[in-house]
Amino acid sequence: MNGGAISLEGLLSKSGELRASIAAHREHLTVYPGQRHVSSATAAAISLEHADAVLVLADVGTYASALALFRVQYEALVRGVWLLYAASDGWVEKLSAPLNTETARKGNEGPMLSKMLEELDGKTPPAVVQQLSEFKTYSWKALSSYVHVGLHPLTRTVEGYPAVLVEQMLRQSNGLALMATMLLTILSGDPKQEGKVAKLQAEFMSCCPNTADKCG
C-alpha cells in the first residue's frame, strides 16, 4: 500500500474517516462460534481500540503516549493472528479462562512476540507474516524505547517530534487497523463480507503506509 502526498492535518482527518468506515464495517460482522475465534476476535478488537486511541493522542499532540500505545496496538494484532492460526488448544484455553490469580499467572507465561511470529510462519498467508515481521524488524526497538522511556522519547520530547515521524506512525497504525479488520472479517466466516476490506484499502490509500515507512 502506498500513500500519496497529504498534509498532517489531512492525514489526521482521513485517518478519522477510515476509523469510521471500519466501525461501520464491523457492525456487519459476527464472530463464528468457538473459543479460539472469540479470543482471536477479542485481541483484534483491542488492537483497533488502541488504534483509535493512537489517533486521538496524535490529534492532541501527545506523541510519546501515542507511540507507546502504537507498539501495544501491534502486539495485540500479533496475538490475535497467533490465537487463530498457531496457538495450541491449551493456550487458547489459558487465555480465555475466567480471571483470577492463578489463571493470570498461567496466562502471563505465554510466548513472547518473537516466538508467536515464529509459530505463525507457514500457518498463515505469507504476506501476513512478512508484514508483521517487517514491522518488528524496523520499528520494534524504537517503539520499545517509548514504552520504557528510553532515549527516543527523552530526546524527542525536548527537541520536538518531526512531522514525518508522526505521519509514519499514523500511516502504519492505519495499516495495522486494516489488518485487524481483515482478521475480524475472516473470523466472521461470512462470504458476503469478502473483498470489503480490500475496498477500504483502496479507498484510503492516501493515509496508508508507504512501503519504506519506519518509526523511530
N, C-alpha and C. Protein backbone atom coordinates (compact mmCIF):
# COMPACT_ATOMS: atom_id res chain seq x y z
N MET A 1 0.84 -1.19 0.00
CA MET A 1 0.00 0.00 0.00
C MET A 1 0.88 1.24 0.00
N ASN A 2 0.65 2.13 -0.89
CA ASN A 2 1.43 3.35 -0.98
C ASN A 2 0.55 4.56 -0.76
N GLY A 3 0.91 5.42 0.19
CA GLY A 3 0.15 6.62 0.45
C GLY A 3 0.58 7.75 -0.44
N GLY A 4 -0.33 8.62 -0.84
CA GLY A 4 0.00 9.77 -1.65
C GLY A 4 0.36 10.94 -0.76
N ALA A 5 0.75 12.07 -1.40
CA ALA A 5 1.11 13.27 -0.65
C ALA A 5 -0.12 13.82 0.06
N ILE A 6 0.05 14.14 1.36
CA ILE A 6 -1.06 14.65 2.14
C ILE A 6 -0.48 15.35 3.37
N SER A 7 -1.09 16.45 3.80
CA SER A 7 -0.60 17.18 4.97
C SER A 7 -0.92 16.39 6.23
N LEU A 8 -0.25 16.75 7.33
CA LEU A 8 -0.51 16.08 8.60
C LEU A 8 -1.96 16.29 9.01
N GLU A 9 -2.46 17.50 8.85
CA GLU A 9 -3.86 17.78 9.18
C GLU A 9 -4.80 16.92 8.33
N GLY A 10 -4.46 16.82 7.03
CA GLY A 10 -5.27 16.00 6.15
C GLY A 10 -5.17 14.52 6.50
N LEU A 11 -3.99 14.10 6.93
CA LEU A 11 -3.78 12.71 7.31
C LEU A 11 -4.60 12.36 8.54
N LEU A 12 -4.63 13.26 9.51
CA LEU A 12 -5.44 13.04 10.70
C LEU A 12 -6.92 12.93 10.34
N SER A 13 -7.37 13.82 9.46
CA SER A 13 -8.77 13.82 9.06
C SER A 13 -9.12 12.54 8.30
N LYS A 14 -8.27 12.16 7.37
CA LYS A 14 -8.53 10.96 6.56
C LYS A 14 -8.47 9.71 7.43
N SER A 15 -7.57 9.71 8.40
CA SER A 15 -7.48 8.57 9.32
C SER A 15 -8.76 8.43 10.14
N GLY A 16 -9.34 9.57 10.53
CA GLY A 16 -10.62 9.53 11.24
C GLY A 16 -11.72 8.95 10.37
N GLU A 17 -11.71 9.31 9.10
CA GLU A 17 -12.70 8.75 8.17
C GLU A 17 -12.52 7.24 8.03
N LEU A 18 -11.27 6.80 7.99
CA LEU A 18 -11.01 5.36 7.92
C LEU A 18 -11.55 4.65 9.14
N ARG A 19 -11.30 5.21 10.33
CA ARG A 19 -11.80 4.58 11.55
C ARG A 19 -13.32 4.48 11.52
N ALA A 20 -13.99 5.51 11.02
CA ALA A 20 -15.46 5.48 10.94
C ALA A 20 -15.92 4.41 9.98
N SER A 21 -15.22 4.25 8.87
CA SER A 21 -15.58 3.22 7.89
C SER A 21 -15.35 1.82 8.44
N ILE A 22 -14.27 1.66 9.21
CA ILE A 22 -14.01 0.38 9.85
C ILE A 22 -15.12 0.05 10.85
N ALA A 23 -15.51 1.05 11.63
CA ALA A 23 -16.58 0.84 12.62
C ALA A 23 -17.88 0.44 11.92
N ALA A 24 -18.18 1.08 10.80
CA ALA A 24 -19.40 0.75 10.05
C ALA A 24 -19.33 -0.68 9.51
N HIS A 25 -18.17 -1.08 9.04
CA HIS A 25 -17.99 -2.45 8.53
C HIS A 25 -18.16 -3.47 9.65
N ARG A 26 -17.64 -3.16 10.81
CA ARG A 26 -17.71 -4.10 11.93
C ARG A 26 -19.14 -4.36 12.38
N GLU A 27 -20.03 -3.44 12.13
CA GLU A 27 -21.42 -3.64 12.51
C GLU A 27 -22.05 -4.83 11.78
N HIS A 28 -21.46 -5.22 10.66
CA HIS A 28 -22.00 -6.33 9.87
C HIS A 28 -21.30 -7.66 10.19
N LEU A 29 -20.39 -7.65 11.16
CA LEU A 29 -19.59 -8.84 11.46
C LEU A 29 -20.06 -9.50 12.76
N THR A 30 -20.21 -10.80 12.72
CA THR A 30 -20.49 -11.61 13.91
C THR A 30 -19.46 -12.72 13.94
N VAL A 31 -18.79 -12.88 15.06
CA VAL A 31 -17.71 -13.86 15.16
C VAL A 31 -18.27 -15.28 15.09
N TYR A 32 -17.64 -16.10 14.27
CA TYR A 32 -18.02 -17.50 14.16
C TYR A 32 -17.84 -18.18 15.51
N PRO A 33 -18.78 -19.05 15.91
CA PRO A 33 -18.72 -19.64 17.26
C PRO A 33 -17.43 -20.43 17.49
N GLY A 34 -17.01 -20.45 18.73
CA GLY A 34 -15.82 -21.20 19.13
C GLY A 34 -14.88 -20.31 19.93
N GLN A 35 -14.26 -20.87 20.99
CA GLN A 35 -13.43 -20.07 21.87
C GLN A 35 -12.21 -19.51 21.17
N ARG A 36 -11.62 -20.28 20.26
CA ARG A 36 -10.46 -19.79 19.52
C ARG A 36 -10.84 -18.54 18.72
N HIS A 37 -11.98 -18.60 18.05
CA HIS A 37 -12.43 -17.46 17.25
C HIS A 37 -12.74 -16.26 18.13
N VAL A 38 -13.40 -16.50 19.25
CA VAL A 38 -13.77 -15.40 20.15
C VAL A 38 -12.52 -14.74 20.73
N SER A 39 -11.54 -15.54 21.15
CA SER A 39 -10.32 -14.99 21.73
C SER A 39 -9.54 -14.19 20.70
N SER A 40 -9.44 -14.72 19.50
CA SER A 40 -8.74 -14.01 18.43
C SER A 40 -9.44 -12.70 18.10
N ALA A 41 -10.75 -12.74 18.02
CA ALA A 41 -11.53 -11.54 17.71
C ALA A 41 -11.40 -10.49 18.82
N THR A 42 -11.34 -10.95 20.06
CA THR A 42 -11.18 -10.01 21.17
C THR A 42 -9.85 -9.28 21.08
N ALA A 43 -8.79 -10.02 20.75
CA ALA A 43 -7.48 -9.39 20.59
C ALA A 43 -7.49 -8.39 19.44
N ALA A 44 -8.15 -8.76 18.34
CA ALA A 44 -8.24 -7.84 17.20
C ALA A 44 -9.01 -6.58 17.58
N ALA A 45 -10.08 -6.75 18.34
CA ALA A 45 -10.88 -5.60 18.78
C ALA A 45 -10.06 -4.69 19.69
N ILE A 46 -9.24 -5.28 20.56
CA ILE A 46 -8.37 -4.49 21.43
C ILE A 46 -7.35 -3.72 20.59
N SER A 47 -6.82 -4.36 19.57
CA SER A 47 -5.87 -3.69 18.68
C SER A 47 -6.52 -2.48 18.02
N LEU A 48 -7.76 -2.62 17.59
CA LEU A 48 -8.48 -1.50 16.98
C LEU A 48 -8.80 -0.41 18.00
N GLU A 49 -9.06 -0.80 19.24
CA GLU A 49 -9.28 0.19 20.29
C GLU A 49 -8.01 1.02 20.50
N HIS A 50 -6.87 0.34 20.51
CA HIS A 50 -5.60 1.05 20.63
C HIS A 50 -5.38 1.98 19.43
N ALA A 51 -5.75 1.51 18.25
CA ALA A 51 -5.60 2.34 17.04
C ALA A 51 -6.40 3.63 17.15
N ASP A 52 -7.62 3.52 17.66
CA ASP A 52 -8.44 4.71 17.85
C ASP A 52 -7.78 5.66 18.85
N ALA A 53 -7.20 5.10 19.92
CA ALA A 53 -6.55 5.92 20.93
C ALA A 53 -5.29 6.59 20.39
N VAL A 54 -4.54 5.87 19.56
CA VAL A 54 -3.35 6.45 18.92
C VAL A 54 -3.73 7.69 18.13
N LEU A 55 -4.82 7.60 17.40
CA LEU A 55 -5.28 8.73 16.58
C LEU A 55 -5.68 9.91 17.46
N VAL A 56 -6.40 9.65 18.54
CA VAL A 56 -6.81 10.72 19.46
C VAL A 56 -5.59 11.39 20.08
N LEU A 57 -4.63 10.59 20.53
CA LEU A 57 -3.43 11.12 21.16
C LEU A 57 -2.60 11.94 20.18
N ALA A 58 -2.50 11.46 18.95
CA ALA A 58 -1.75 12.20 17.93
C ALA A 58 -2.44 13.52 17.61
N ASP A 59 -3.75 13.51 17.61
CA ASP A 59 -4.51 14.71 17.26
C ASP A 59 -4.29 15.83 18.29
N VAL A 60 -4.06 15.46 19.55
CA VAL A 60 -3.85 16.48 20.59
C VAL A 60 -2.37 16.70 20.87
N GLY A 61 -1.49 16.01 20.12
CA GLY A 61 -0.07 16.27 20.22
C GLY A 61 0.68 15.57 21.33
N THR A 62 0.07 14.52 21.93
CA THR A 62 0.78 13.75 22.96
C THR A 62 1.45 12.55 22.28
N TYR A 63 2.54 12.86 21.60
CA TYR A 63 3.15 11.90 20.70
C TYR A 63 3.88 10.75 21.41
N ALA A 64 4.51 11.02 22.55
CA ALA A 64 5.18 9.94 23.27
C ALA A 64 4.18 8.87 23.68
N SER A 65 3.04 9.29 24.17
CA SER A 65 1.99 8.34 24.56
C SER A 65 1.44 7.61 23.34
N ALA A 66 1.25 8.34 22.25
CA ALA A 66 0.74 7.73 21.02
C ALA A 66 1.68 6.64 20.51
N LEU A 67 2.98 6.94 20.52
CA LEU A 67 3.95 5.96 20.01
C LEU A 67 4.07 4.75 20.92
N ALA A 68 3.96 4.95 22.23
CA ALA A 68 3.98 3.82 23.16
C ALA A 68 2.78 2.91 22.92
N LEU A 69 1.62 3.52 22.75
CA LEU A 69 0.40 2.74 22.53
C LEU A 69 0.39 2.10 21.15
N PHE A 70 1.06 2.72 20.20
CA PHE A 70 1.17 2.17 18.86
C PHE A 70 1.84 0.80 18.90
N ARG A 71 2.87 0.66 19.74
CA ARG A 71 3.51 -0.66 19.88
C ARG A 71 2.52 -1.67 20.43
N VAL A 72 1.71 -1.26 21.40
CA VAL A 72 0.74 -2.16 22.01
C VAL A 72 -0.33 -2.56 20.99
N GLN A 73 -0.69 -1.63 20.11
CA GLN A 73 -1.62 -1.94 19.02
C GLN A 73 -1.09 -3.09 18.17
N TYR A 74 0.18 -3.00 17.84
CA TYR A 74 0.82 -4.05 17.04
C TYR A 74 0.84 -5.38 17.79
N GLU A 75 1.21 -5.37 19.06
CA GLU A 75 1.27 -6.59 19.85
C GLU A 75 -0.09 -7.28 19.93
N ALA A 76 -1.14 -6.49 20.11
CA ALA A 76 -2.49 -7.06 20.20
C ALA A 76 -2.88 -7.73 18.89
N LEU A 77 -2.48 -7.13 17.77
CA LEU A 77 -2.78 -7.73 16.46
C LEU A 77 -2.04 -9.05 16.29
N VAL A 78 -0.75 -9.07 16.63
CA VAL A 78 0.01 -10.31 16.52
C VAL A 78 -0.61 -11.40 17.38
N ARG A 79 -1.02 -11.03 18.59
CA ARG A 79 -1.66 -12.01 19.48
C ARG A 79 -2.95 -12.56 18.85
N GLY A 80 -3.72 -11.68 18.24
CA GLY A 80 -4.96 -12.13 17.62
C GLY A 80 -4.73 -13.08 16.47
N VAL A 81 -3.75 -12.78 15.62
CA VAL A 81 -3.43 -13.65 14.49
C VAL A 81 -2.90 -14.99 15.01
N TRP A 82 -2.03 -14.92 16.01
CA TRP A 82 -1.48 -16.14 16.59
C TRP A 82 -2.56 -17.02 17.22
N LEU A 83 -3.50 -16.41 17.93
CA LEU A 83 -4.58 -17.19 18.55
C LEU A 83 -5.40 -17.94 17.52
N LEU A 84 -5.59 -17.36 16.37
CA LEU A 84 -6.39 -18.03 15.34
C LEU A 84 -5.60 -19.13 14.65
N TYR A 85 -4.37 -18.83 14.27
CA TYR A 85 -3.65 -19.73 13.37
C TYR A 85 -2.63 -20.65 14.03
N ALA A 86 -2.07 -20.26 15.16
CA ALA A 86 -0.92 -21.01 15.66
C ALA A 86 -1.00 -21.45 17.12
N ALA A 87 -1.80 -20.81 17.93
CA ALA A 87 -1.85 -21.15 19.36
C ALA A 87 -2.38 -22.57 19.56
N SER A 88 -1.80 -23.27 20.51
CA SER A 88 -2.30 -24.60 20.84
C SER A 88 -3.66 -24.48 21.52
N ASP A 89 -4.39 -25.58 21.56
CA ASP A 89 -5.68 -25.56 22.26
C ASP A 89 -5.48 -25.21 23.73
N GLY A 90 -4.33 -25.65 24.27
CA GLY A 90 -4.04 -25.36 25.67
C GLY A 90 -3.88 -23.86 25.92
N TRP A 91 -3.21 -23.17 24.99
CA TRP A 91 -3.04 -21.74 25.16
C TRP A 91 -4.35 -20.98 24.94
N VAL A 92 -5.15 -21.44 24.03
CA VAL A 92 -6.46 -20.82 23.84
C VAL A 92 -7.28 -20.94 25.12
N GLU A 93 -7.21 -22.11 25.74
CA GLU A 93 -7.95 -22.33 26.99
C GLU A 93 -7.42 -21.43 28.10
N LYS A 94 -6.08 -21.31 28.22
CA LYS A 94 -5.49 -20.49 29.27
C LYS A 94 -5.86 -19.02 29.11
N LEU A 95 -5.87 -18.56 27.86
CA LEU A 95 -6.11 -17.13 27.61
C LEU A 95 -7.59 -16.78 27.51
N SER A 96 -8.45 -17.76 27.71
CA SER A 96 -9.88 -17.48 27.73
C SER A 96 -10.52 -17.90 29.05
N ALA A 97 -9.68 -18.25 30.02
CA ALA A 97 -10.18 -18.70 31.32
C ALA A 97 -10.69 -17.51 32.14
N PRO A 98 -11.59 -17.74 33.09
CA PRO A 98 -12.02 -16.67 34.00
C PRO A 98 -10.80 -16.10 34.73
N LEU A 99 -10.79 -14.80 34.94
CA LEU A 99 -9.62 -14.14 35.52
C LEU A 99 -9.56 -14.30 37.03
N ASN A 100 -8.46 -14.89 37.50
CA ASN A 100 -8.15 -14.93 38.93
C ASN A 100 -6.63 -14.99 39.07
N THR A 101 -6.14 -15.07 40.28
CA THR A 101 -4.69 -15.01 40.49
C THR A 101 -3.96 -16.13 39.77
N GLU A 102 -4.50 -17.33 39.81
CA GLU A 102 -3.85 -18.49 39.21
C GLU A 102 -3.89 -18.43 37.68
N THR A 103 -5.06 -18.12 37.12
CA THR A 103 -5.15 -18.08 35.66
C THR A 103 -4.35 -16.91 35.10
N ALA A 104 -4.25 -15.82 35.85
CA ALA A 104 -3.43 -14.68 35.42
C ALA A 104 -1.97 -15.07 35.35
N ARG A 105 -1.51 -15.84 36.33
CA ARG A 105 -0.11 -16.29 36.34
C ARG A 105 0.17 -17.18 35.14
N LYS A 106 -0.72 -18.13 34.89
CA LYS A 106 -0.52 -19.04 33.78
C LYS A 106 -0.58 -18.31 32.44
N GLY A 107 -1.51 -17.37 32.33
CA GLY A 107 -1.64 -16.62 31.09
C GLY A 107 -0.42 -15.77 30.80
N ASN A 108 0.19 -15.23 31.85
CA ASN A 108 1.36 -14.37 31.68
C ASN A 108 2.61 -15.16 31.28
N GLU A 109 2.54 -16.47 31.34
CA GLU A 109 3.66 -17.31 30.93
C GLU A 109 3.64 -17.58 29.43
N GLY A 110 2.75 -16.94 28.71
CA GLY A 110 2.60 -17.16 27.28
C GLY A 110 3.82 -16.78 26.48
N PRO A 111 3.88 -17.24 25.23
CA PRO A 111 5.05 -16.97 24.38
C PRO A 111 5.23 -15.49 24.10
N MET A 112 6.50 -15.08 23.99
CA MET A 112 6.82 -13.71 23.66
C MET A 112 6.50 -13.46 22.19
N LEU A 113 6.54 -12.20 21.81
CA LEU A 113 6.13 -11.83 20.45
C LEU A 113 6.97 -12.52 19.38
N SER A 114 8.27 -12.59 19.58
CA SER A 114 9.15 -13.24 18.59
C SER A 114 8.76 -14.69 18.40
N LYS A 115 8.43 -15.36 19.49
CA LYS A 115 8.03 -16.77 19.43
C LYS A 115 6.71 -16.91 18.68
N MET A 116 5.77 -16.01 18.92
CA MET A 116 4.49 -16.08 18.20
C MET A 116 4.70 -15.91 16.69
N LEU A 117 5.57 -14.99 16.32
CA LEU A 117 5.85 -14.80 14.89
C LEU A 117 6.48 -16.05 14.29
N GLU A 118 7.38 -16.69 15.04
CA GLU A 118 7.99 -17.93 14.56
C GLU A 118 6.93 -19.01 14.35
N GLU A 119 6.02 -19.13 15.30
CA GLU A 119 4.99 -20.16 15.21
C GLU A 119 3.99 -19.88 14.09
N LEU A 120 3.85 -18.62 13.71
CA LEU A 120 2.94 -18.27 12.62
C LEU A 120 3.51 -18.62 11.25
N ASP A 121 4.81 -18.72 11.16
CA ASP A 121 5.45 -18.97 9.87
C ASP A 121 4.94 -20.28 9.27
N GLY A 122 4.40 -20.19 8.07
CA GLY A 122 3.87 -21.36 7.38
C GLY A 122 2.44 -21.70 7.70
N LYS A 123 1.84 -20.97 8.65
CA LYS A 123 0.46 -21.26 9.05
C LYS A 123 -0.53 -20.19 8.61
N THR A 124 -0.02 -19.07 8.10
CA THR A 124 -0.88 -18.00 7.59
C THR A 124 -0.42 -17.68 6.18
N PRO A 125 -1.20 -16.90 5.42
CA PRO A 125 -0.71 -16.43 4.12
C PRO A 125 0.64 -15.75 4.31
N PRO A 126 1.64 -16.03 3.45
CA PRO A 126 2.99 -15.49 3.62
C PRO A 126 3.03 -13.97 3.80
N ALA A 127 2.15 -13.25 3.13
CA ALA A 127 2.16 -11.79 3.21
C ALA A 127 1.87 -11.30 4.62
N VAL A 128 1.06 -12.05 5.37
CA VAL A 128 0.70 -11.64 6.73
C VAL A 128 1.93 -11.70 7.63
N VAL A 129 2.62 -12.84 7.63
CA VAL A 129 3.82 -12.99 8.46
C VAL A 129 4.89 -12.01 8.02
N GLN A 130 5.01 -11.80 6.72
CA GLN A 130 6.02 -10.87 6.21
C GLN A 130 5.78 -9.46 6.74
N GLN A 131 4.54 -8.99 6.66
CA GLN A 131 4.23 -7.64 7.12
C GLN A 131 4.44 -7.49 8.63
N LEU A 132 3.99 -8.48 9.39
CA LEU A 132 4.14 -8.41 10.84
C LEU A 132 5.62 -8.49 11.25
N SER A 133 6.39 -9.33 10.56
CA SER A 133 7.81 -9.48 10.88
C SER A 133 8.60 -8.25 10.48
N GLU A 134 8.27 -7.66 9.33
CA GLU A 134 8.97 -6.46 8.89
C GLU A 134 8.73 -5.30 9.85
N PHE A 135 7.51 -5.21 10.36
CA PHE A 135 7.21 -4.17 11.35
C PHE A 135 8.12 -4.31 12.56
N LYS A 136 8.26 -5.53 13.05
CA LYS A 136 9.12 -5.77 14.21
C LYS A 136 10.57 -5.42 13.90
N THR A 137 11.04 -5.80 12.71
CA THR A 137 12.42 -5.55 12.33
C THR A 137 12.75 -4.06 12.32
N TYR A 138 11.86 -3.26 11.77
CA TYR A 138 12.17 -1.85 11.55
C TYR A 138 11.70 -0.91 12.67
N SER A 139 10.69 -1.31 13.42
CA SER A 139 10.09 -0.36 14.36
C SER A 139 10.12 -0.78 15.83
N TRP A 140 10.36 -2.05 16.11
CA TRP A 140 10.20 -2.56 17.46
C TRP A 140 11.10 -1.88 18.49
N LYS A 141 12.40 -1.77 18.19
CA LYS A 141 13.34 -1.22 19.17
C LYS A 141 13.01 0.23 19.49
N ALA A 142 12.71 1.01 18.47
CA ALA A 142 12.39 2.41 18.71
C ALA A 142 11.11 2.55 19.52
N LEU A 143 10.09 1.76 19.18
CA LEU A 143 8.83 1.85 19.91
C LEU A 143 8.97 1.35 21.34
N SER A 144 9.83 0.35 21.55
CA SER A 144 10.08 -0.13 22.91
C SER A 144 10.69 0.98 23.76
N SER A 145 11.47 1.85 23.13
CA SER A 145 12.07 2.99 23.84
C SER A 145 10.99 3.91 24.39
N TYR A 146 9.89 4.07 23.64
CA TYR A 146 8.78 4.90 24.12
C TYR A 146 8.05 4.24 25.28
N VAL A 147 7.93 2.91 25.22
CA VAL A 147 7.26 2.19 26.31
C VAL A 147 8.07 2.28 27.60
N HIS A 148 9.40 2.18 27.46
CA HIS A 148 10.27 2.13 28.64
C HIS A 148 10.95 3.47 28.95
N VAL A 149 10.52 4.54 28.27
CA VAL A 149 11.06 5.88 28.49
C VAL A 149 12.57 5.89 28.31
N GLY A 150 12.98 5.47 27.12
CA GLY A 150 14.39 5.45 26.78
C GLY A 150 14.81 6.71 26.04
N LEU A 151 15.89 6.59 25.26
CA LEU A 151 16.48 7.75 24.60
C LEU A 151 15.52 8.43 23.62
N HIS A 152 14.76 7.63 22.89
CA HIS A 152 13.86 8.21 21.87
C HIS A 152 12.89 9.24 22.46
N PRO A 153 12.05 8.85 23.43
CA PRO A 153 11.10 9.84 23.95
C PRO A 153 11.77 10.96 24.74
N LEU A 154 12.85 10.64 25.45
CA LEU A 154 13.52 11.68 26.22
C LEU A 154 14.10 12.76 25.31
N THR A 155 14.62 12.32 24.15
CA THR A 155 15.18 13.27 23.19
C THR A 155 14.09 14.00 22.43
N ARG A 156 13.12 13.24 21.92
CA ARG A 156 12.06 13.85 21.10
C ARG A 156 11.23 14.85 21.91
N THR A 157 10.97 14.54 23.15
CA THR A 157 10.14 15.43 23.97
C THR A 157 10.81 16.78 24.17
N VAL A 158 12.14 16.77 24.26
CA VAL A 158 12.88 18.02 24.43
C VAL A 158 13.05 18.75 23.09
N GLU A 159 13.42 18.02 22.05
CA GLU A 159 13.76 18.62 20.77
C GLU A 159 12.55 18.78 19.84
N GLY A 160 11.48 18.06 20.11
CA GLY A 160 10.31 18.12 19.25
C GLY A 160 10.20 16.88 18.37
N TYR A 161 9.00 16.60 17.93
CA TYR A 161 8.72 15.43 17.10
C TYR A 161 8.62 15.85 15.63
N PRO A 162 9.48 15.33 14.77
CA PRO A 162 9.40 15.66 13.35
C PRO A 162 8.04 15.24 12.77
N ALA A 163 7.50 16.06 11.90
CA ALA A 163 6.20 15.74 11.29
C ALA A 163 6.24 14.40 10.57
N VAL A 164 7.39 14.09 9.96
CA VAL A 164 7.49 12.83 9.21
C VAL A 164 7.33 11.63 10.14
N LEU A 165 7.82 11.73 11.37
CA LEU A 165 7.67 10.63 12.32
C LEU A 165 6.20 10.42 12.69
N VAL A 166 5.50 11.51 12.95
CA VAL A 166 4.08 11.42 13.29
C VAL A 166 3.30 10.85 12.11
N GLU A 167 3.62 11.29 10.91
CA GLU A 167 2.93 10.80 9.72
C GLU A 167 3.17 9.31 9.52
N GLN A 168 4.41 8.86 9.72
CA GLN A 168 4.71 7.44 9.59
C GLN A 168 3.92 6.62 10.60
N MET A 169 3.87 7.10 11.84
CA MET A 169 3.11 6.40 12.87
C MET A 169 1.65 6.27 12.48
N LEU A 170 1.05 7.35 12.02
CA LEU A 170 -0.37 7.33 11.66
C LEU A 170 -0.62 6.38 10.49
N ARG A 171 0.22 6.44 9.48
CA ARG A 171 0.04 5.55 8.33
C ARG A 171 0.15 4.08 8.74
N GLN A 172 1.19 3.78 9.52
CA GLN A 172 1.38 2.40 9.93
C GLN A 172 0.26 1.93 10.87
N SER A 173 -0.21 2.82 11.73
CA SER A 173 -1.33 2.49 12.60
C SER A 173 -2.57 2.17 11.77
N ASN A 174 -2.78 2.95 10.72
CA ASN A 174 -3.90 2.68 9.82
C ASN A 174 -3.75 1.33 9.14
N GLY A 175 -2.52 1.01 8.73
CA GLY A 175 -2.29 -0.28 8.10
C GLY A 175 -2.57 -1.44 9.03
N LEU A 176 -2.12 -1.32 10.28
CA LEU A 176 -2.40 -2.36 11.27
C LEU A 176 -3.89 -2.45 11.56
N ALA A 177 -4.57 -1.31 11.57
CA ALA A 177 -6.01 -1.31 11.81
C ALA A 177 -6.74 -2.07 10.71
N LEU A 178 -6.29 -1.91 9.49
CA LEU A 178 -6.90 -2.64 8.38
C LEU A 178 -6.63 -4.14 8.49
N MET A 179 -5.43 -4.50 8.95
CA MET A 179 -5.13 -5.91 9.15
C MET A 179 -6.02 -6.51 10.24
N ALA A 180 -6.24 -5.75 11.31
CA ALA A 180 -7.13 -6.23 12.38
C ALA A 180 -8.56 -6.37 11.87
N THR A 181 -8.96 -5.44 11.02
CA THR A 181 -10.30 -5.52 10.44
C THR A 181 -10.43 -6.73 9.53
N MET A 182 -9.37 -7.02 8.78
CA MET A 182 -9.37 -8.21 7.94
C MET A 182 -9.48 -9.47 8.79
N LEU A 183 -8.77 -9.49 9.92
CA LEU A 183 -8.83 -10.65 10.81
C LEU A 183 -10.26 -10.84 11.33
N LEU A 184 -10.90 -9.76 11.75
CA LEU A 184 -12.28 -9.86 12.22
C LEU A 184 -13.21 -10.33 11.12
N THR A 185 -12.95 -9.90 9.90
CA THR A 185 -13.78 -10.31 8.77
C THR A 185 -13.63 -11.80 8.51
N ILE A 186 -12.40 -12.29 8.58
CA ILE A 186 -12.14 -13.72 8.42
C ILE A 186 -12.85 -14.50 9.52
N LEU A 187 -12.78 -13.98 10.73
CA LEU A 187 -13.38 -14.67 11.88
C LEU A 187 -14.89 -14.72 11.82
N SER A 188 -15.49 -13.85 11.01
CA SER A 188 -16.94 -13.89 10.85
C SER A 188 -17.38 -15.08 10.00
N GLY A 189 -16.49 -15.51 9.10
CA GLY A 189 -16.84 -16.61 8.21
C GLY A 189 -17.95 -16.28 7.23
N ASP A 190 -18.23 -15.00 7.05
CA ASP A 190 -19.35 -14.55 6.21
C ASP A 190 -18.84 -14.24 4.80
N PRO A 191 -19.20 -15.04 3.82
CA PRO A 191 -18.72 -14.80 2.45
C PRO A 191 -19.20 -13.48 1.86
N LYS A 192 -20.29 -12.92 2.40
CA LYS A 192 -20.80 -11.65 1.90
C LYS A 192 -19.84 -10.49 2.19
N GLN A 193 -18.95 -10.69 3.18
CA GLN A 193 -18.02 -9.62 3.56
C GLN A 193 -16.70 -9.70 2.78
N GLU A 194 -16.56 -10.72 1.98
CA GLU A 194 -15.32 -10.92 1.22
C GLU A 194 -15.06 -9.73 0.29
N GLY A 195 -13.86 -9.23 0.32
CA GLY A 195 -13.46 -8.15 -0.56
C GLY A 195 -13.71 -6.76 -0.03
N LYS A 196 -14.44 -6.64 1.08
CA LYS A 196 -14.79 -5.30 1.58
C LYS A 196 -13.60 -4.58 2.20
N VAL A 197 -12.72 -5.32 2.85
CA VAL A 197 -11.54 -4.68 3.44
C VAL A 197 -10.59 -4.23 2.33
N ALA A 198 -10.49 -5.00 1.26
CA ALA A 198 -9.67 -4.59 0.12
C ALA A 198 -10.19 -3.28 -0.47
N LYS A 199 -11.51 -3.11 -0.48
CA LYS A 199 -12.09 -1.86 -0.97
C LYS A 199 -11.73 -0.70 -0.05
N LEU A 200 -11.72 -0.95 1.26
CA LEU A 200 -11.31 0.09 2.20
C LEU A 200 -9.85 0.47 1.99
N GLN A 201 -9.01 -0.53 1.74
CA GLN A 201 -7.60 -0.26 1.48
C GLN A 201 -7.44 0.65 0.27
N ALA A 202 -8.19 0.36 -0.77
CA ALA A 202 -8.10 1.16 -1.99
C ALA A 202 -8.64 2.56 -1.77
N GLU A 203 -9.74 2.65 -1.03
CA GLU A 203 -10.37 3.95 -0.79
C GLU A 203 -9.49 4.87 0.05
N PHE A 204 -8.76 4.27 1.00
CA PHE A 204 -7.97 5.07 1.94
C PHE A 204 -6.47 4.92 1.69
N MET A 205 -6.10 4.72 0.45
CA MET A 205 -4.70 4.57 0.09
C MET A 205 -3.86 5.76 0.54
N SER A 206 -4.45 6.96 0.51
CA SER A 206 -3.68 8.17 0.81
C SER A 206 -3.26 8.27 2.28
N CYS A 207 -3.87 7.46 3.16
CA CYS A 207 -3.47 7.52 4.58
C CYS A 207 -2.93 6.19 5.06
N CYS A 208 -2.55 5.33 4.11
CA CYS A 208 -1.98 4.04 4.45
C CYS A 208 -0.46 4.08 4.34
N PRO A 209 0.24 3.03 4.78
CA PRO A 209 1.70 3.09 4.86
C PRO A 209 2.37 3.19 3.50
N ASN A 210 3.43 3.96 3.45
CA ASN A 210 4.38 3.87 2.35
C ASN A 210 5.26 2.67 2.62
N THR A 211 5.73 2.00 1.59
CA THR A 211 6.48 0.77 1.77
C THR A 211 7.76 0.97 2.56
N ALA A 212 8.32 2.19 2.52
CA ALA A 212 9.60 2.44 3.20
C ALA A 212 9.43 3.03 4.59
N ASP A 213 8.19 3.20 5.05
CA ASP A 213 7.96 3.84 6.35
C ASP A 213 8.57 3.03 7.49
N LYS A 214 9.24 3.73 8.38
CA LYS A 214 9.79 3.14 9.60
C LYS A 214 9.56 4.15 10.73
N CYS A 215 9.24 3.64 11.93
CA CYS A 215 9.02 4.54 13.06
C CYS A 215 10.20 4.50 14.01
N GLY A 216 10.67 5.69 14.40
CA GLY A 216 11.79 5.73 15.34
C GLY A 216 12.01 7.13 15.86
